[in-house]
Amino acid sequence: MSERSVADLQRDLGLSDGKLALALGVTRQTVRNWRCGRKCPHFAQQAMTWMMELRRLDPANDNLPQAVRVKL
């Protein structure tokens, strides 16, 4: 299975750089760097893929951390 790009995962999750950064515990600049082609650590790719899988299993599931959900 090939890894999806960060830009594709972010678009499918429907999250801005700031909200994705908050969900992953990194800075917006880090997310922007990943989206623009810098190497994204495997753990972050896995976390985004996990969020997509939870959403696929239950579309009503807001699988983001509480701190992010409150601000959406």
N, C-alpha and C. Protein backbone atom coordinates (compact mmCIF):
# COMPACT_ATOMS: atom_id res chain seq x y z
N MET A 1 0.84 -1.19 0.00
CA MET A 1 0.00 0.00 0.00
C MET A 1 0.88 1.24 0.00
N SER A 2 0.68 2.11 -0.96
CA SER A 2 1.49 3.32 -1.01
C SER A 2 0.92 4.37 -0.05
N GLU A 3 1.81 5.19 0.46
CA GLU A 3 1.37 6.23 1.38
C GLU A 3 0.74 7.37 0.58
N ARG A 4 -0.33 7.88 1.09
CA ARG A 4 -0.99 9.02 0.45
C ARG A 4 -0.25 10.30 0.84
N SER A 5 -0.36 11.30 0.00
CA SER A 5 0.30 12.57 0.31
C SER A 5 -0.43 13.25 1.47
N VAL A 6 0.32 14.06 2.18
CA VAL A 6 -0.26 14.81 3.29
C VAL A 6 -1.36 15.73 2.76
N ALA A 7 -1.14 16.33 1.61
CA ALA A 7 -2.16 17.23 1.03
C ALA A 7 -3.45 16.47 0.77
N ASP A 8 -3.36 15.25 0.24
CA ASP A 8 -4.56 14.44 -0.01
C ASP A 8 -5.27 14.10 1.29
N LEU A 9 -4.51 13.65 2.29
CA LEU A 9 -5.12 13.29 3.58
C LEU A 9 -5.77 14.52 4.22
N GLN A 10 -5.08 15.64 4.18
CA GLN A 10 -5.61 16.86 4.78
C GLN A 10 -6.90 17.28 4.08
N ARG A 11 -6.92 17.24 2.77
CA ARG A 11 -8.11 17.61 2.01
C ARG A 11 -9.27 16.67 2.36
N ASP A 12 -9.00 15.36 2.42
CA ASP A 12 -10.06 14.40 2.72
C ASP A 12 -10.58 14.56 4.15
N LEU A 13 -9.71 14.95 5.06
CA LEU A 13 -10.15 15.19 6.43
C LEU A 13 -10.90 16.53 6.56
N GLY A 14 -10.68 17.43 5.61
CA GLY A 14 -11.34 18.72 5.64
C GLY A 14 -10.82 19.63 6.73
N LEU A 15 -9.52 19.55 7.01
CA LEU A 15 -8.94 20.34 8.08
C LEU A 15 -7.95 21.37 7.55
N SER A 16 -7.96 22.54 8.15
CA SER A 16 -6.97 23.57 7.83
C SER A 16 -5.63 23.13 8.39
N ASP A 17 -4.57 23.85 8.02
CA ASP A 17 -3.25 23.55 8.57
C ASP A 17 -3.28 23.63 10.10
N GLY A 18 -3.94 24.66 10.62
CA GLY A 18 -3.98 24.86 12.07
C GLY A 18 -4.71 23.75 12.80
N LYS A 19 -5.85 23.32 12.26
CA LYS A 19 -6.62 22.26 12.93
C LYS A 19 -5.93 20.91 12.83
N LEU A 20 -5.31 20.64 11.69
CA LEU A 20 -4.57 19.38 11.56
C LEU A 20 -3.35 19.40 12.49
N ALA A 21 -2.69 20.54 12.57
CA ALA A 21 -1.53 20.67 13.46
C ALA A 21 -1.95 20.43 14.92
N LEU A 22 -3.06 21.00 15.32
CA LEU A 22 -3.56 20.82 16.68
C LEU A 22 -3.89 19.35 16.95
N ALA A 23 -4.51 18.70 15.98
CA ALA A 23 -4.88 17.29 16.15
C ALA A 23 -3.64 16.40 16.26
N LEU A 24 -2.56 16.77 15.57
CA LEU A 24 -1.34 15.94 15.58
C LEU A 24 -0.31 16.40 16.61
N GLY A 25 -0.54 17.55 17.23
CA GLY A 25 0.40 18.05 18.23
C GLY A 25 1.68 18.62 17.64
N VAL A 26 1.54 19.24 16.45
CA VAL A 26 2.69 19.88 15.81
C VAL A 26 2.30 21.31 15.46
N THR A 27 3.22 22.07 14.87
CA THR A 27 2.92 23.45 14.50
C THR A 27 2.29 23.51 13.11
N ARG A 28 1.64 24.62 12.82
CA ARG A 28 1.08 24.84 11.47
C ARG A 28 2.18 24.82 10.43
N GLN A 29 3.33 25.39 10.76
CA GLN A 29 4.44 25.42 9.81
C GLN A 29 4.89 24.00 9.47
N THR A 30 4.88 23.12 10.46
CA THR A 30 5.25 21.73 10.21
C THR A 30 4.29 21.08 9.23
N VAL A 31 3.00 21.27 9.43
CA VAL A 31 2.00 20.72 8.51
C VAL A 31 2.20 21.32 7.12
N ARG A 32 2.42 22.61 7.04
CA ARG A 32 2.64 23.27 5.76
C ARG A 32 3.87 22.69 5.06
N ASN A 33 4.93 22.46 5.81
CA ASN A 33 6.14 21.86 5.23
C ASN A 33 5.85 20.47 4.67
N TRP A 34 5.12 19.65 5.43
CA TRP A 34 4.77 18.31 4.96
C TRP A 34 3.93 18.39 3.70
N ARG A 35 2.96 19.28 3.70
CA ARG A 35 2.06 19.41 2.56
C ARG A 35 2.80 19.87 1.31
N CYS A 36 3.84 20.66 1.51
CA CYS A 36 4.60 21.20 0.38
C CYS A 36 5.75 20.29 -0.05
N GLY A 37 5.82 19.10 0.50
CA GLY A 37 6.79 18.14 0.00
C GLY A 37 7.90 17.69 0.93
N ARG A 38 8.05 18.35 2.07
CA ARG A 38 9.06 17.86 3.02
C ARG A 38 8.60 16.53 3.58
N LYS A 39 9.54 15.68 3.94
CA LYS A 39 9.21 14.35 4.43
C LYS A 39 8.38 14.42 5.71
N CYS A 40 7.30 13.69 5.71
CA CYS A 40 6.41 13.60 6.87
C CYS A 40 6.75 12.33 7.63
N PRO A 41 6.95 12.40 8.95
CA PRO A 41 7.25 11.18 9.71
C PRO A 41 6.15 10.13 9.57
N HIS A 42 6.55 8.90 9.63
CA HIS A 42 5.61 7.79 9.47
C HIS A 42 4.48 7.86 10.49
N PHE A 43 4.80 8.24 11.75
CA PHE A 43 3.76 8.28 12.78
C PHE A 43 2.66 9.28 12.42
N ALA A 44 3.03 10.40 11.82
CA ALA A 44 2.03 11.41 11.47
C ALA A 44 1.16 10.92 10.31
N GLN A 45 1.79 10.27 9.33
CA GLN A 45 1.02 9.69 8.23
C GLN A 45 0.04 8.65 8.77
N GLN A 46 0.51 7.82 9.69
CA GLN A 46 -0.35 6.79 10.28
C GLN A 46 -1.50 7.42 11.06
N ALA A 47 -1.23 8.50 11.79
CA ALA A 47 -2.28 9.17 12.56
C ALA A 47 -3.36 9.73 11.64
N MET A 48 -2.96 10.35 10.54
CA MET A 48 -3.94 10.89 9.60
C MET A 48 -4.73 9.77 8.93
N THR A 49 -4.05 8.68 8.59
CA THR A 49 -4.73 7.54 7.99
C THR A 49 -5.72 6.93 8.98
N TRP A 50 -5.34 6.87 10.24
CA TRP A 50 -6.21 6.35 11.30
C TRP A 50 -7.46 7.23 11.44
N MET A 51 -7.27 8.56 11.39
CA MET A 51 -8.43 9.45 11.47
C MET A 51 -9.37 9.22 10.29
N MET A 52 -8.81 9.01 9.10
CA MET A 52 -9.64 8.74 7.92
C MET A 52 -10.40 7.42 8.07
N GLU A 53 -9.74 6.39 8.59
CA GLU A 53 -10.37 5.09 8.75
C GLU A 53 -11.52 5.16 9.74
N LEU A 54 -11.33 5.86 10.85
CA LEU A 54 -12.41 6.01 11.82
C LEU A 54 -13.60 6.73 11.21
N ARG A 55 -13.33 7.74 10.41
CA ARG A 55 -14.40 8.48 9.76
C ARG A 55 -15.12 7.59 8.74
N ARG A 56 -14.36 6.74 8.03
CA ARG A 56 -14.96 5.83 7.05
C ARG A 56 -15.87 4.82 7.73
N LEU A 57 -15.44 4.30 8.88
CA LEU A 57 -16.22 3.30 9.60
C LEU A 57 -17.51 3.89 10.15
N ASP A 58 -17.46 5.14 10.56
CA ASP A 58 -18.63 5.82 11.12
C ASP A 58 -18.56 7.29 10.75
N PRO A 59 -19.20 7.68 9.65
CA PRO A 59 -19.11 9.07 9.18
C PRO A 59 -19.51 10.11 10.22
N ALA A 60 -20.33 9.72 11.19
CA ALA A 60 -20.73 10.66 12.23
C ALA A 60 -19.65 10.80 13.30
N ASN A 61 -18.64 9.94 13.25
CA ASN A 61 -17.59 9.94 14.26
C ASN A 61 -16.64 11.10 14.03
N ASP A 62 -16.61 12.03 14.96
CA ASP A 62 -15.62 13.09 14.91
C ASP A 62 -14.44 12.57 15.71
N ASN A 63 -13.48 12.01 15.00
CA ASN A 63 -12.38 11.31 15.65
C ASN A 63 -11.23 12.22 16.05
N LEU A 64 -11.48 13.51 16.09
CA LEU A 64 -10.43 14.44 16.46
C LEU A 64 -10.39 14.62 17.98
N PRO A 65 -9.24 15.02 18.49
CA PRO A 65 -9.14 15.27 19.94
C PRO A 65 -10.15 16.31 20.39
N GLN A 66 -10.57 16.22 21.63
CA GLN A 66 -11.57 17.13 22.20
C GLN A 66 -11.18 18.58 21.99
N ALA A 67 -9.92 18.92 22.17
CA ALA A 67 -9.49 20.32 22.03
C ALA A 67 -9.76 20.85 20.63
N VAL A 68 -9.69 20.00 19.63
CA VAL A 68 -9.95 20.43 18.26
C VAL A 68 -11.45 20.48 18.01
N ARG A 69 -12.18 19.48 18.50
CA ARG A 69 -13.63 19.42 18.25
C ARG A 69 -14.33 20.66 18.77
N VAL A 70 -13.94 21.13 19.93
CA VAL A 70 -14.59 22.28 20.54
C VAL A 70 -14.41 23.51 19.65
N LYS A 71 -13.29 23.62 18.94
CA LYS A 71 -12.99 24.81 18.16
C LYS A 71 -13.52 24.73 16.74
N LEU A 72 -14.08 23.60 16.33
CA LEU A 72 -14.55 23.47 14.95
C LEU A 72 -15.77 24.26 14.67
